[in-house]
C-alpha cells in the first residue's frame, strides 16, 4: 500500500510499431482515495520515420 504523500515508480511501455507522427495515449490510475478515485496520466510523443 502506498501511504499519503508517498510515491512509487511507474513503468510504462509503448510499442511504436506501425505508428508514425504524433501519438497521444492515456493511462488511468485507479486508487482508493475517496476525493480522487481515478487519475488520468496523458503521454504524448512524436514518432519519426526510420532512416
PDB file of N, CA and C in Angstrom:
ATOM      1  N   UNK A   1       0.843  -1.165   0.000  1.00  0.00           N
ATOM      2  CA  UNK A   1       0.000   0.000   0.000  1.00  0.00           C
ATOM      3  C   UNK A   1       0.897   1.238   0.000  1.00  0.00           C
ATOM      4  N   UNK A   2       0.509   2.215  -0.740  1.00  0.00           N
ATOM      5  CA  UNK A   2       1.242   3.471  -0.821  1.00  0.00           C
ATOM      6  C   UNK A   2       0.562   4.461   0.107  1.00  0.00           C
ATOM      7  N   UNK A   3       1.301   4.983   1.053  1.00  0.00           N
ATOM      8  CA  UNK A   3       0.745   5.926   2.011  1.00  0.00           C
ATOM      9  C   UNK A   3       0.614   7.329   1.436  1.00  0.00           C
ATOM     10  N   UNK A   4      -0.099   8.155   2.173  1.00  0.00           N
ATOM     11  CA  UNK A   4      -0.283   9.549   1.781  1.00  0.00           C
ATOM     12  C   UNK A   4       1.072  10.238   1.650  1.00  0.00           C
ATOM     13  N   UNK A   5       1.239  11.012   0.582  1.00  0.00           N
ATOM     14  CA  UNK A   5       2.477  11.738   0.277  1.00  0.00           C
ATOM     15  C   UNK A   5       3.659  10.821  -0.041  1.00  0.00           C
ATOM     16  N   UNK A   6       3.408   9.550  -0.317  1.00  0.00           N
ATOM     17  CA  UNK A   6       4.452   8.625  -0.747  1.00  0.00           C
ATOM     18  C   UNK A   6       4.341   8.456  -2.266  1.00  0.00           C
ATOM     19  N   UNK A   7       5.390   7.944  -2.858  1.00  0.00           N
ATOM     20  CA  UNK A   7       5.364   7.704  -4.296  1.00  0.00           C
ATOM     21  C   UNK A   7       6.098   6.411  -4.616  1.00  0.00           C
ATOM     22  N   UNK A   8       5.796   5.864  -5.768  1.00  0.00           N
ATOM     23  CA  UNK A   8       6.472   4.669  -6.274  1.00  0.00           C
ATOM     24  C   UNK A   8       6.701   4.867  -7.768  1.00  0.00           C
ATOM     25  N   UNK A   9       7.726   4.241  -8.326  1.00  0.00           N
ATOM     26  CA  UNK A   9       7.942   4.354  -9.772  1.00  0.00           C
ATOM     27  C   UNK A   9       6.827   3.641 -10.533  1.00  0.00           C
ATOM     28  N   UNK A  10       6.504   4.162 -11.692  1.00  0.00           N
ATOM     29  CA  UNK A  10       5.512   3.556 -12.568  1.00  0.00           C
ATOM     30  C   UNK A  10       6.174   3.347 -13.925  1.00  0.00           C
ATOM     31  N   UNK A  11       6.355   2.088 -14.307  1.00  0.00           N
ATOM     32  CA  UNK A  11       6.983   1.769 -15.587  1.00  0.00           C
ATOM     33  C   UNK A  11       5.908   1.587 -16.644  1.00  0.00           C
ATOM     34  N   UNK A  12       6.092   2.249 -17.775  1.00  0.00           N
ATOM     35  CA  UNK A  12       5.143   2.186 -18.874  1.00  0.00           C
ATOM     36  C   UNK A  12       5.903   1.843 -20.143  1.00  0.00           C
ATOM     37  N   UNK A  13       5.354   0.948 -20.944  1.00  0.00           N
ATOM     38  CA  UNK A  13       5.954   0.591 -22.221  1.00  0.00           C
ATOM     39  C   UNK A  13       5.003   0.967 -23.342  1.00  0.00           C
ATOM     40  N   UNK A  14       5.566   1.478 -24.435  1.00  0.00           N
ATOM     41  CA  UNK A  14       4.785   1.851 -25.609  1.00  0.00           C
ATOM     42  C   UNK A  14       5.442   1.221 -26.819  1.00  0.00           C
ATOM     43  N   UNK A  15       4.680   0.484 -27.609  1.00  0.00           N
ATOM     44  CA  UNK A  15       5.207  -0.165 -28.812  1.00  0.00           C
ATOM     45  C   UNK A  15       4.871   0.714 -30.013  1.00  0.00           C
ATOM     46  N   UNK A  16       5.880   1.378 -30.599  1.00  0.00           N
ATOM     47  CA  UNK A  16       5.620   2.287 -31.716  1.00  0.00           C
ATOM     48  C   UNK A  16       5.477   1.583 -33.072  1.00  0.00           C
ATOM     49  N   UNK A  17       5.543   0.266 -33.100  1.00  0.00           N
ATOM     50  CA  UNK A  17       5.480  -0.461 -34.375  1.00  0.00           C
ATOM     51  C   UNK A  17       4.210  -0.091 -35.140  1.00  0.00           C
ATOM     52  N   UNK A  18       4.400   0.298 -36.406  1.00  0.00           N
ATOM     53  CA  UNK A  18       3.278   0.618 -37.266  1.00  0.00           C
ATOM     54  C   UNK A  18       2.671   1.989 -37.039  1.00  0.00           C
ATOM     55  N   UNK A  19       3.312   2.813 -36.235  1.00  0.00           N
ATOM     56  CA  UNK A  19       2.783   4.139 -35.932  1.00  0.00           C
ATOM     57  C   UNK A  19       3.770   5.211 -36.389  1.00  0.00           C
ATOM     58  N   UNK A  20       3.245   6.330 -36.871  1.00  0.00           N
ATOM     59  CA  UNK A  20       4.058   7.479 -37.263  1.00  0.00           C
ATOM     60  C   UNK A  20       3.377   8.753 -36.788  1.00  0.00           C
ATOM     61  N   UNK A  21       4.179   9.777 -36.545  1.00  0.00           N
ATOM     62  CA  UNK A  21       3.624  11.082 -36.179  1.00  0.00           C
ATOM     63  C   UNK A  21       3.251  11.181 -34.712  1.00  0.00           C
ATOM     64  N   UNK A  22       2.421  12.164 -34.424  1.00  0.00           N
ATOM     65  CA  UNK A  22       2.018  12.433 -33.033  1.00  0.00           C
ATOM     66  C   UNK A  22       1.135  11.313 -32.509  1.00  0.00           C
ATOM     67  N   UNK A  23       1.472  10.850 -31.329  1.00  0.00           N
ATOM     68  CA  UNK A  23       0.694   9.818 -30.658  1.00  0.00           C
ATOM     69  C   UNK A  23       0.350  10.320 -29.263  1.00  0.00           C
ATOM     70  N   UNK A  24      -0.899  10.177 -28.884  1.00  0.00           N
ATOM     71  CA  UNK A  24      -1.364  10.564 -27.551  1.00  0.00           C
ATOM     72  C   UNK A  24      -2.021   9.354 -26.910  1.00  0.00           C
ATOM     73  N   UNK A  25      -1.571   9.008 -25.736  1.00  0.00           N
ATOM     74  CA  UNK A  25      -2.115   7.855 -25.021  1.00  0.00           C
ATOM     75  C   UNK A  25      -2.493   8.277 -23.605  1.00  0.00           C
ATOM     76  N   UNK A  26      -3.431   7.546 -23.026  1.00  0.00           N
ATOM     77  CA  UNK A  26      -3.899   7.849 -21.678  1.00  0.00           C
ATOM     78  C   UNK A  26      -3.811   6.593 -20.824  1.00  0.00           C
ATOM     79  N   UNK A  27      -3.328   6.766 -19.601  1.00  0.00           N
ATOM     80  CA  UNK A  27      -3.312   5.702 -18.600  1.00  0.00           C
ATOM     81  C   UNK A  27      -4.180   6.184 -17.453  1.00  0.00           C
ATOM     82  N   UNK A  28      -5.087   5.340 -16.976  1.00  0.00           N
ATOM     83  CA  UNK A  28      -5.923   5.703 -15.844  1.00  0.00           C
ATOM     84  C   UNK A  28      -5.452   4.940 -14.614  1.00  0.00           C
ATOM     85  N   UNK A  29      -5.046   5.672 -13.586  1.00  0.00           N
ATOM     86  CA  UNK A  29      -4.634   5.072 -12.316  1.00  0.00           C
ATOM     87  C   UNK A  29      -5.830   5.133 -11.368  1.00  0.00           C
ATOM     88  N   UNK A  30      -6.302   3.968 -10.949  1.00  0.00           N
ATOM     89  CA  UNK A  30      -7.460   3.892 -10.057  1.00  0.00           C
ATOM     90  C   UNK A  30      -6.954   3.658  -8.637  1.00  0.00           C
ATOM     91  N   UNK A  31      -7.467   4.465  -7.698  1.00  0.00           N
ATOM     92  CA  UNK A  31      -6.993   4.416  -6.315  1.00  0.00           C
ATOM     93  C   UNK A  31      -8.159   4.260  -5.335  1.00  0.00           C
ATOM     94  N   UNK A  32      -7.823   4.138  -4.070  1.00  0.00           N
ATOM     95  CA  UNK A  32      -8.852   4.093  -3.034  1.00  0.00           C
ATOM     96  C   UNK A  32      -9.032   5.458  -2.366  1.00  0.00           C
ATOM     97  N   UNK A  33      -8.520   6.498  -2.974  1.00  0.00           N
ATOM     98  CA  UNK A  33      -8.676   7.864  -2.465  1.00  0.00           C
ATOM     99  C   UNK A  33     -10.094   8.325  -2.774  1.00  0.00           C
ATOM    100  N   UNK A  34     -10.882   8.592  -1.747  1.00  0.00           N
ATOM    101  CA  UNK A  34     -12.278   8.965  -1.955  1.00  0.00           C
ATOM    102  C   UNK A  34     -12.436  10.298  -2.685  1.00  0.00           C
ATOM    103  N   UNK A  35     -11.491  11.212  -2.512  1.00  0.00           N
ATOM    104  CA  UNK A  35     -11.577  12.511  -3.188  1.00  0.00           C
ATOM    105  C   UNK A  35     -11.095  12.458  -4.635  1.00  0.00           C
ATOM    106  N   UNK A  36     -10.153  11.568  -4.919  1.00  0.00           N
ATOM    107  CA  UNK A  36      -9.606  11.413  -6.278  1.00  0.00           C
ATOM    108  C   UNK A  36      -9.487   9.921  -6.608  1.00  0.00           C
ATOM    109  N   UNK A  37     -10.608   9.255  -6.886  1.00  0.00           N
ATOM    110  CA  UNK A  37     -10.549   7.802  -7.097  1.00  0.00           C
ATOM    111  C   UNK A  37      -9.849   7.376  -8.386  1.00  0.00           C
ATOM    112  N   UNK A  38      -9.723   8.295  -9.344  1.00  0.00           N
ATOM    113  CA  UNK A  38      -9.029   7.967 -10.595  1.00  0.00           C
ATOM    114  C   UNK A  38      -8.259   9.186 -11.075  1.00  0.00           C
ATOM    115  N   UNK A  39      -7.062   8.934 -11.577  1.00  0.00           N
ATOM    116  CA  UNK A  39      -6.227   9.995 -12.132  1.00  0.00           C
ATOM    117  C   UNK A  39      -5.805   9.589 -13.530  1.00  0.00           C
ATOM    118  N   UNK A  40      -5.984  10.498 -14.473  1.00  0.00           N
ATOM    119  CA  UNK A  40      -5.595  10.214 -15.848  1.00  0.00           C
ATOM    120  C   UNK A  40      -4.196  10.762 -16.106  1.00  0.00           C
ATOM    121  N   UNK A  41      -3.333   9.909 -16.638  1.00  0.00           N
ATOM    122  CA  UNK A  41      -1.974  10.296 -16.999  1.00  0.00           C
ATOM    123  C   UNK A  41      -1.911  10.344 -18.521  1.00  0.00           C
ATOM    124  N   UNK A  42      -1.568  11.483 -19.077  1.00  0.00           N
ATOM    125  CA  UNK A  42      -1.504  11.635 -20.528  1.00  0.00           C
ATOM    126  C   UNK A  42      -0.047  11.621 -20.986  1.00  0.00           C
ATOM    127  N   UNK A  43       0.209  10.827 -22.001  1.00  0.00           N
ATOM    128  CA  UNK A  43       1.554  10.695 -22.548  1.00  0.00           C
ATOM    129  C   UNK A  43       1.500  11.040 -24.034  1.00  0.00           C
ATOM    130  N   UNK A  44       2.407  11.896 -24.478  1.00  0.00           N
ATOM    131  CA  UNK A  44       2.466  12.317 -25.881  1.00  0.00           C
ATOM    132  C   UNK A  44       3.862  12.080 -26.425  1.00  0.00           C
ATOM    133  N   UNK A  45       3.934  11.687 -27.702  1.00  0.00           N
ATOM    134  CA  UNK A  45       5.215  11.509 -28.363  1.00  0.00           C
ATOM    135  C   UNK A  45       5.052  11.770 -29.856  1.00  0.00           C
ATOM    136  N   UNK A  46       6.166  11.990 -30.532  1.00  0.00           N
ATOM    137  CA  UNK A  46       6.170  12.157 -31.972  1.00  0.00           C
ATOM    138  C   UNK A  46       7.106  11.101 -32.560  1.00  0.00           C
ATOM    139  N   UNK A  47       6.551  10.169 -33.307  1.00  0.00           N
ATOM    140  CA  UNK A  47       7.334   9.071 -33.865  1.00  0.00           C
ATOM    141  C   UNK A  47       7.768   9.446 -35.278  1.00  0.00           C
ATOM    142  N   UNK A  48       9.070   9.432 -35.485  1.00  0.00           N
ATOM    143  CA  UNK A  48       9.648   9.761 -36.788  1.00  0.00           C
ATOM    144  C   UNK A  48       9.897   8.503 -37.606  1.00  0.00           C
ATOM    145  N   UNK A  49       9.890   8.641 -38.927  1.00  0.00           N
ATOM    146  CA  UNK A  49      10.168   7.513 -39.809  1.00  0.00           C
ATOM    147  C   UNK A  49      11.616   7.070 -39.633  1.00  0.00           C
ATOM    148  N   UNK A  50      11.844   5.773 -39.697  1.00  0.00           N
ATOM    149  CA  UNK A  50      13.206   5.241 -39.594  1.00  0.00           C
ATOM    150  C   UNK A  50      14.022   5.674 -40.796  1.00  0.00           C
ATOM    151  N   UNK A  51      15.306   5.924 -40.564  1.00  0.00           N
ATOM    152  CA  UNK A  51      16.180   6.371 -41.660  1.00  0.00           C
ATOM    153  C   UNK A  51      17.179   5.296 -42.021  1.00  0.00           C
TER     154      UNK A  51
END
